[in-house]
Amino acid sequence: MARRPTIKDIARRAGVSESAVSFALNDRPGVSKDTRARIRRVAEELGWQANSAARALSGERSGAVGLVLARPAHTLGVESFFLQLVSGIQEVLAAARTALLFQVVEDVDAECAVYRRWWAERRVDGVLVVDPRTGDPRPALLAELGLPAVTIGEPGSPAEPVRSPAPVPAPATVSSVRADDAGAMAQVLDHLHGLGHRRIVHIAGLPGLAHTVRRIESLRTEAERRGLGPDHVRSVVTDYSDAEGAAATRRVLAEPQAPTALVYDNDVMAVAGSAVAAELGIPVPDRLSIVAWDDSALCRVTHPRLTALVRDTAGFGRLAAEELLSVLAGGPPGVRESERPRLEPRDSTAPPPAHTDA
């Protein structure tokens, strides 16, 4: 295996001292402009890269940002949202020559433990925080650690901060990028109500996530605005998986006053629900309309093609990464809005059967 080039190798090739190499590569005074250029040219020829651990110990940036997902692993393997989100994040970070340190854990407590370890080891310069929650302990922890962060999604209500006996660094710089979940749900209700549906069930995602809560509240608000109560329009929560999406679909379709329209919080559950309807002999959209929150290839190749909310998830990731890099460069914290999702009507939605009190 080839040995990695060292500062000593660069000094020998450039004909200078090791201290001169250190000054040149770390943008410190002590070498002339021409010598600095020669040293950097030699370093590039040898393929030298800074050791991130050594740079962190010296107080310099690590050149990496972190992303932790606290979700059951089995729900991530079938959902395209996070793959698209990470692809957008990585696009921006790669252009900035910044690494992405990625980890999947079981719960928020484990996620907080990762943040503490990364901070102690100086592994990352900042973090991207996904799935904001109600009673979220992470903002207070990140402030305690002084770890810059960008929340992807509108923050939920924070938990009470728990201070450690250790000295507290300067507060973290926290920004957020968010999507208009309430506006998106209003589009869905406008579409279904306009078609004549009056019995609608929202097959929601994980309870406790801030965006799940906002979607449920928005559904209730929009239903009430149209004179529809909880007996006609309601939400049920799941874990986002196809299995729970199918099980929830089976339960609500077996009710005496079954819904005539179902709204799913992701594409995977929507496809699973469509399959359950076919198994039960309920034609879509003649007797049941289906809407998926996130569009994907699954929605477009399923028969019938599923009406879906279209949004630029990769662009959402790019926006979050750009905001974090801006914060790390000393920019002010802020809130950035992503483009509002737009509803794409397809073959899975139509007026309810005429003989129902839809």
Protein backbone atom coordinates (compact mmCIF):
# COMPACT_ATOMS: atom_id res chain seq x y z
CA MET A 1 0.00 0.00 0.00
CA ALA A 2 1.39 3.40 -0.94
CA ARG A 3 2.45 5.59 1.97
CA ARG A 4 0.62 8.88 2.41
CA PRO A 5 2.84 11.91 1.75
CA THR A 6 3.91 13.90 4.80
CA ILE A 7 5.07 17.43 5.50
CA LYS A 8 8.64 16.07 5.55
CA ASP A 9 8.18 14.74 1.99
CA ILE A 10 6.93 18.12 0.81
CA ALA A 11 9.82 19.94 2.51
CA ARG A 12 12.39 17.62 0.91
CA ARG A 13 10.87 17.98 -2.58
CA ALA A 14 10.46 21.79 -2.29
CA GLY A 15 13.89 22.31 -0.69
CA VAL A 16 12.57 24.12 2.36
CA SER A 17 12.19 23.48 6.08
CA GLU A 18 9.25 21.60 7.56
CA SER A 19 8.21 24.74 9.44
CA ALA A 20 8.03 26.64 6.14
CA VAL A 21 5.73 23.94 4.76
CA SER A 22 3.51 24.22 7.84
CA PHE A 23 3.32 28.00 7.48
CA ALA A 24 2.47 27.78 3.77
CA LEU A 25 -0.18 25.08 4.03
CA ASN A 26 -1.90 26.73 7.00
CA ASP A 27 -1.94 30.27 5.53
CA ARG A 28 0.35 31.66 8.21
CA PRO A 29 2.95 34.40 7.79
CA GLY A 30 6.62 33.48 7.67
CA VAL A 31 7.21 32.52 4.03
CA SER A 32 7.33 34.55 0.86
CA LYS A 33 4.56 34.52 -1.74
CA ASP A 34 6.72 32.60 -4.22
CA THR A 35 7.80 30.02 -1.62
CA ARG A 36 4.20 29.54 -0.51
CA ALA A 37 3.11 28.95 -4.12
CA ARG A 38 5.97 26.46 -4.70
CA ILE A 39 5.16 24.52 -1.52
CA ARG A 40 1.47 24.28 -2.41
CA ARG A 41 2.31 23.16 -5.94
CA VAL A 42 4.54 20.39 -4.59
CA ALA A 43 1.88 19.37 -2.06
CA GLU A 44 -0.67 19.05 -4.85
CA GLU A 45 1.74 17.01 -6.99
CA LEU A 46 2.31 14.60 -4.10
CA GLY A 47 -1.42 14.30 -3.40
CA TRP A 48 -1.09 15.63 0.15
CA GLN A 49 -4.24 16.21 2.22
CA ALA A 50 -4.48 17.71 5.70
CA ASN A 51 -5.09 15.27 8.55
CA SER A 52 -8.51 16.29 9.86
CA ALA A 53 -7.87 14.89 13.35
CA ALA A 54 -4.64 16.85 13.69
CA ARG A 55 -6.30 20.00 12.40
CA ALA A 56 -9.11 19.59 14.93
CA LEU A 57 -6.64 19.19 17.80
CA SER A 58 -4.90 22.38 16.73
CA GLY A 59 -8.20 24.26 16.88
CA GLU A 60 -8.82 24.34 13.14
CA ARG A 61 -11.99 23.17 11.47
CA SER A 62 -12.40 19.47 10.82
CA GLY A 63 -13.76 19.94 7.30
CA ALA A 64 -16.79 17.74 8.03
CA VAL A 65 -20.43 18.15 9.04
CA GLY A 66 -22.63 15.55 10.66
CA LEU A 67 -26.06 14.08 10.00
CA VAL A 68 -27.74 11.60 12.35
CA LEU A 69 -31.01 9.82 11.58
CA ALA A 70 -32.92 8.58 14.61
CA ARG A 71 -35.41 6.32 12.91
CA PRO A 72 -36.03 2.58 12.84
CA ALA A 73 -33.63 1.25 10.21
CA HIS A 74 -36.34 -0.82 8.50
CA THR A 75 -38.30 2.33 7.65
CA LEU A 76 -35.34 3.96 5.89
CA GLY A 77 -34.65 1.21 3.40
CA VAL A 78 -37.91 1.69 1.53
CA GLU A 79 -38.36 5.47 1.69
CA SER A 80 -36.88 7.63 -1.06
CA PHE A 81 -37.13 10.93 0.83
CA PHE A 82 -33.88 10.62 2.76
CA LEU A 83 -31.92 9.35 -0.23
CA GLN A 84 -32.97 12.42 -2.22
CA LEU A 85 -32.34 14.73 0.75
CA VAL A 86 -28.83 13.37 1.30
CA SER A 87 -28.04 13.59 -2.41
CA GLY A 88 -28.83 17.31 -2.33
CA ILE A 89 -26.78 17.82 0.83
CA GLN A 90 -23.84 15.93 -0.61
CA GLU A 91 -23.94 17.91 -3.86
CA VAL A 92 -23.29 21.16 -1.98
CA LEU A 93 -20.77 19.71 0.47
CA ALA A 94 -18.75 18.00 -2.26
CA ALA A 95 -18.40 21.30 -4.13
CA ALA A 96 -17.14 22.88 -0.89
CA ARG A 97 -14.76 19.93 -0.25
CA THR A 98 -16.56 19.25 3.02
CA ALA A 99 -17.18 15.68 4.18
CA LEU A 100 -20.51 14.34 5.44
CA LEU A 101 -20.33 12.16 8.55
CA PHE A 102 -23.52 10.08 8.57
CA GLN A 103 -24.94 7.78 11.23
CA VAL A 104 -28.24 5.97 11.87
CA VAL A 105 -29.35 5.38 15.47
CA GLU A 106 -32.43 3.96 17.16
CA ASP A 107 -33.72 6.99 19.06
CA VAL A 108 -33.14 10.62 20.00
CA ASP A 109 -31.21 9.73 23.18
CA ALA A 110 -28.70 7.84 21.05
CA GLU A 111 -28.58 10.78 18.64
CA CYS A 112 -27.74 13.16 21.48
CA ALA A 113 -24.98 10.81 22.60
CA VAL A 114 -23.50 10.95 19.10
CA TYR A 115 -23.50 14.76 19.20
CA ARG A 116 -21.66 14.73 22.53
CA ARG A 117 -19.06 12.32 21.19
CA TRP A 118 -18.56 14.24 17.96
CA TRP A 119 -18.16 17.47 19.90
CA ALA A 120 -15.66 15.94 22.36
CA GLU A 121 -13.64 14.43 19.51
CA ARG A 122 -13.98 17.56 17.33
CA ARG A 123 -15.14 15.33 14.52
CA VAL A 124 -17.52 17.83 12.89
CA ASP A 125 -17.78 21.59 12.53
CA GLY A 126 -21.59 21.56 12.62
CA VAL A 127 -24.61 19.32 12.17
CA LEU A 128 -27.77 19.03 10.11
CA VAL A 129 -30.70 18.08 12.33
CA VAL A 130 -33.66 16.24 10.78
CA ASP A 131 -37.09 15.29 12.08
CA PRO A 132 -37.76 18.16 14.52
CA ARG A 133 -39.94 16.94 17.38
CA THR A 134 -42.29 18.18 20.05
CA GLY A 135 -40.40 18.44 23.33
CA ASP A 136 -37.17 18.24 21.33
CA PRO A 137 -34.03 17.97 23.53
CA ARG A 138 -31.57 18.55 20.70
CA PRO A 139 -31.62 22.37 20.33
CA ALA A 140 -30.77 22.86 24.01
CA LEU A 141 -28.00 20.28 23.82
CA LEU A 142 -26.48 21.81 20.70
CA ALA A 143 -26.60 25.24 22.35
CA GLU A 144 -24.87 23.79 25.40
CA LEU A 145 -22.15 22.25 23.27
CA GLY A 146 -21.77 25.33 21.08
CA LEU A 147 -22.15 23.16 17.98
CA PRO A 148 -23.51 25.09 14.95
CA ALA A 149 -26.63 23.49 13.54
CA VAL A 150 -29.30 23.79 10.88
CA THR A 151 -32.67 22.20 11.53
CA ILE A 152 -34.23 20.66 8.43
CA GLY A 153 -37.89 21.35 8.97
CA GLU A 154 -39.58 23.87 11.22
CA PRO A 155 -38.44 23.30 14.83
CA GLY A 156 -40.94 21.79 17.23
CA SER A 157 -41.37 22.82 20.85
CA PRO A 158 -38.07 22.45 22.73
CA ALA A 159 -37.53 20.44 25.86
CA GLU A 160 -36.34 22.17 29.00
CA PRO A 161 -32.56 22.55 28.79
CA VAL A 162 -30.56 20.27 31.04
CA ARG A 163 -27.29 21.88 31.99
CA SER A 164 -24.23 19.79 32.74
CA PRO A 165 -21.78 20.73 35.51
CA ALA A 166 -19.08 21.23 32.86
CA PRO A 167 -18.31 24.74 31.60
CA VAL A 168 -20.75 25.77 28.88
CA PRO A 169 -19.25 27.05 25.60
CA ALA A 170 -20.71 29.90 23.60
CA PRO A 171 -24.26 29.25 22.31
CA ALA A 172 -24.55 27.43 19.02
CA THR A 173 -25.66 29.26 15.93
CA VAL A 174 -28.94 27.57 14.95
CA SER A 175 -30.72 28.13 11.66
CA SER A 176 -33.55 26.26 10.01
CA VAL A 177 -34.90 25.48 6.58
CA ARG A 178 -38.55 24.63 6.41
CA ALA A 179 -41.34 23.55 4.10
CA ASP A 180 -44.91 24.79 4.15
CA ASP A 181 -46.69 21.68 5.43
CA ALA A 182 -49.85 23.61 6.26
CA GLY A 183 -50.07 25.09 2.78
CA ALA A 184 -49.46 21.69 1.21
CA MET A 185 -52.24 20.08 3.25
CA ALA A 186 -54.58 22.90 2.24
CA GLN A 187 -53.91 22.05 -1.41
CA VAL A 188 -54.78 18.41 -0.79
CA LEU A 189 -58.03 19.28 1.00
CA ASP A 190 -58.94 21.79 -1.70
CA HIS A 191 -58.55 19.09 -4.34
CA LEU A 192 -60.45 16.34 -2.54
CA HIS A 193 -63.20 18.60 -1.23
CA GLY A 194 -63.61 20.09 -4.68
CA LEU A 195 -64.14 16.62 -6.08
CA GLY A 196 -66.91 16.07 -3.52
CA HIS A 197 -65.17 13.97 -0.85
CA ARG A 198 -66.44 14.42 2.69
CA ARG A 199 -65.01 11.34 4.41
CA ILE A 200 -61.21 11.62 4.34
CA VAL A 201 -58.57 9.84 6.43
CA HIS A 202 -54.96 10.98 6.68
CA ILE A 203 -52.55 8.03 7.16
CA ALA A 204 -49.86 10.00 8.98
CA GLY A 205 -46.26 9.26 9.88
CA LEU A 206 -44.52 9.00 13.22
CA PRO A 207 -46.30 10.71 16.13
CA GLY A 208 -44.22 13.33 17.93
CA LEU A 209 -42.48 14.60 14.81
CA ALA A 210 -43.13 18.31 14.39
CA HIS A 211 -44.15 18.00 10.75
CA THR A 212 -46.58 15.15 11.58
CA VAL A 213 -48.20 17.36 14.22
CA ARG A 214 -48.41 20.29 11.78
CA ARG A 215 -50.00 18.17 9.07
CA ILE A 216 -52.56 16.74 11.49
CA GLU A 217 -53.40 20.20 12.84
CA SER A 218 -53.62 21.63 9.33
CA LEU A 219 -55.96 18.83 8.24
CA ARG A 220 -58.22 19.55 11.21
CA THR A 221 -58.19 23.29 10.55
CA GLU A 222 -58.90 22.93 6.84
CA ALA A 223 -61.68 20.41 7.51
CA GLU A 224 -63.35 22.69 10.07
CA ARG A 225 -63.12 25.60 7.65
CA ARG A 226 -65.21 23.49 5.25
CA GLY A 227 -67.70 22.44 7.90
CA LEU A 228 -66.31 18.92 8.33
CA GLY A 229 -65.84 17.52 11.83
CA PRO A 230 -63.62 14.72 13.22
CA ASP A 231 -66.25 12.12 12.35
CA HIS A 232 -65.65 12.88 8.68
CA VAL A 233 -61.97 13.89 8.49
CA ARG A 234 -59.24 12.56 10.80
CA SER A 235 -55.66 11.28 11.02
CA VAL A 236 -54.16 7.98 12.15
CA VAL A 237 -50.43 7.63 12.88
CA THR A 238 -47.97 4.98 11.67
CA ASP A 239 -44.20 4.47 11.47
CA TYR A 240 -44.03 5.40 7.74
CA SER A 241 -43.48 1.76 6.70
CA ASP A 242 -45.40 -0.06 3.99
CA ALA A 243 -46.51 -2.66 6.56
CA GLU A 244 -48.12 -0.13 8.91
CA GLY A 245 -49.49 1.85 5.98
CA ALA A 246 -51.20 -1.28 4.69
CA ALA A 247 -52.50 -2.24 8.14
CA ALA A 248 -53.95 1.24 8.74
CA THR A 249 -55.60 1.16 5.31
CA ARG A 250 -57.18 -2.20 6.04
CA ARG A 251 -58.58 -0.94 9.36
CA VAL A 252 -60.18 2.25 8.07
CA LEU A 253 -61.65 0.61 4.97
CA ALA A 254 -63.35 -1.98 7.20
CA GLU A 255 -65.26 0.71 9.11
CA PRO A 256 -69.04 1.05 8.59
CA GLN A 257 -68.59 4.60 7.28
CA ALA A 258 -65.38 3.97 5.35
CA PRO A 259 -63.53 6.94 3.90
CA THR A 260 -63.82 7.74 0.22
CA ALA A 261 -60.36 9.34 0.13
CA LEU A 262 -57.03 8.52 1.81
CA VAL A 263 -54.03 10.84 2.15
CA TYR A 264 -50.69 9.14 2.92
CA ASP A 265 -47.66 10.82 4.44
CA ASN A 266 -45.26 9.17 2.00
CA ASP A 267 -45.17 7.36 -1.31
CA VAL A 268 -44.43 3.91 0.11
CA MET A 269 -47.54 3.85 2.29
CA ALA A 270 -49.66 5.19 -0.57
CA VAL A 271 -48.57 2.37 -2.86
CA ALA A 272 -49.15 -0.17 -0.09
CA GLY A 273 -52.62 1.29 0.50
CA SER A 274 -53.43 1.06 -3.20
CA ALA A 275 -52.47 -2.62 -3.13
CA VAL A 276 -54.75 -3.24 -0.13
CA ALA A 277 -57.65 -1.56 -1.93
CA ALA A 278 -57.08 -3.80 -4.96
CA GLU A 279 -56.97 -6.89 -2.71
CA LEU A 280 -60.28 -5.87 -1.10
CA GLY A 281 -61.90 -5.30 -4.47
CA ILE A 282 -62.21 -1.53 -3.97
CA PRO A 283 -61.41 0.15 -7.29
CA VAL A 284 -59.23 3.27 -7.33
CA PRO A 285 -60.42 5.92 -8.06
CA ASP A 286 -64.02 4.79 -8.72
CA ARG A 287 -64.72 4.04 -5.05
CA LEU A 288 -61.57 5.29 -3.31
CA SER A 289 -59.27 8.22 -4.07
CA ILE A 290 -55.60 8.16 -2.97
CA VAL A 291 -53.09 11.00 -2.51
CA ALA A 292 -49.39 10.56 -1.67
CA TRP A 293 -47.57 13.31 0.21
CA ASP A 294 -44.24 12.78 -1.58
CA ASP A 295 -44.04 12.11 -5.29
CA SER A 296 -41.60 9.50 -6.59
CA ALA A 297 -41.14 7.02 -9.40
CA LEU A 298 -43.35 4.63 -7.40
CA CYS A 299 -46.27 7.02 -7.69
CA ARG A 300 -45.77 7.41 -11.43
CA VAL A 301 -45.44 3.71 -12.34
CA THR A 302 -48.18 2.36 -10.06
CA HIS A 303 -51.52 1.62 -11.73
CA PRO A 304 -53.42 3.80 -11.45
CA ARG A 305 -50.80 6.55 -11.25
CA LEU A 306 -51.03 8.27 -7.88
CA THR A 307 -51.96 11.89 -7.32
CA ALA A 308 -49.04 13.31 -5.29
CA LEU A 309 -47.46 16.39 -3.79
CA VAL A 310 -44.40 17.20 -5.88
CA ARG A 311 -41.48 18.91 -4.17
CA ASP A 312 -37.77 19.28 -4.80
CA THR A 313 -36.43 17.15 -1.94
CA ALA A 314 -32.86 17.27 -3.25
CA GLY A 315 -33.22 21.05 -3.43
CA PHE A 316 -34.35 21.02 0.20
CA GLY A 317 -31.11 19.23 1.07
CA ARG A 318 -29.06 21.69 -0.97
CA LEU A 319 -30.70 24.60 0.84
CA ALA A 320 -29.90 23.09 4.25
CA ALA A 321 -26.26 22.43 3.35
CA GLU A 322 -25.84 25.94 1.94
CA GLU A 323 -27.27 27.43 5.13
CA LEU A 324 -24.92 25.40 7.35
CA LEU A 325 -21.87 26.38 5.29
CA SER A 326 -22.98 30.01 5.54
CA VAL A 327 -23.26 29.73 9.32
CA LEU A 328 -19.83 28.09 9.55
CA ALA A 329 -18.40 30.93 7.48
CA GLY A 330 -19.70 33.41 10.05
CA GLY A 331 -23.01 34.33 8.47
CA PRO A 332 -26.02 35.25 10.63
CA PRO A 333 -28.52 32.55 11.61
CA GLY A 334 -31.82 32.59 9.83
CA VAL A 335 -34.86 30.76 8.54
CA ARG A 336 -34.98 29.79 4.88
CA GLU A 337 -38.12 28.65 3.10
CA SER A 338 -38.08 25.90 0.53
CA GLU A 339 -40.33 26.00 -2.50
CA ARG A 340 -43.92 25.07 -1.61
CA PRO A 341 -44.94 21.59 -2.81
CA ARG A 342 -47.51 21.52 -5.60
CA LEU A 343 -50.21 18.93 -6.01
CA GLU A 344 -50.02 16.88 -9.20
CA PRO A 345 -53.47 15.34 -9.89
CA ARG A 346 -53.23 11.96 -11.61
CA ASP A 347 -55.39 8.89 -12.09
CA SER A 348 -55.92 7.97 -8.41
CA THR A 349 -58.34 10.79 -7.55
CA ALA A 350 -61.87 11.31 -8.84
CA PRO A 351 -65.31 12.25 -7.47
CA PRO A 352 -66.70 9.76 -4.92
CA PRO A 353 -69.48 7.34 -5.91
CA ALA A 354 -72.76 9.16 -6.40
CA HIS A 355 -74.67 6.87 -4.03
CA THR A 356 -72.45 7.66 -0.99
CA ASP A 357 -72.83 10.55 1.43
CA ALA A 358 -69.20 11.35 0.70
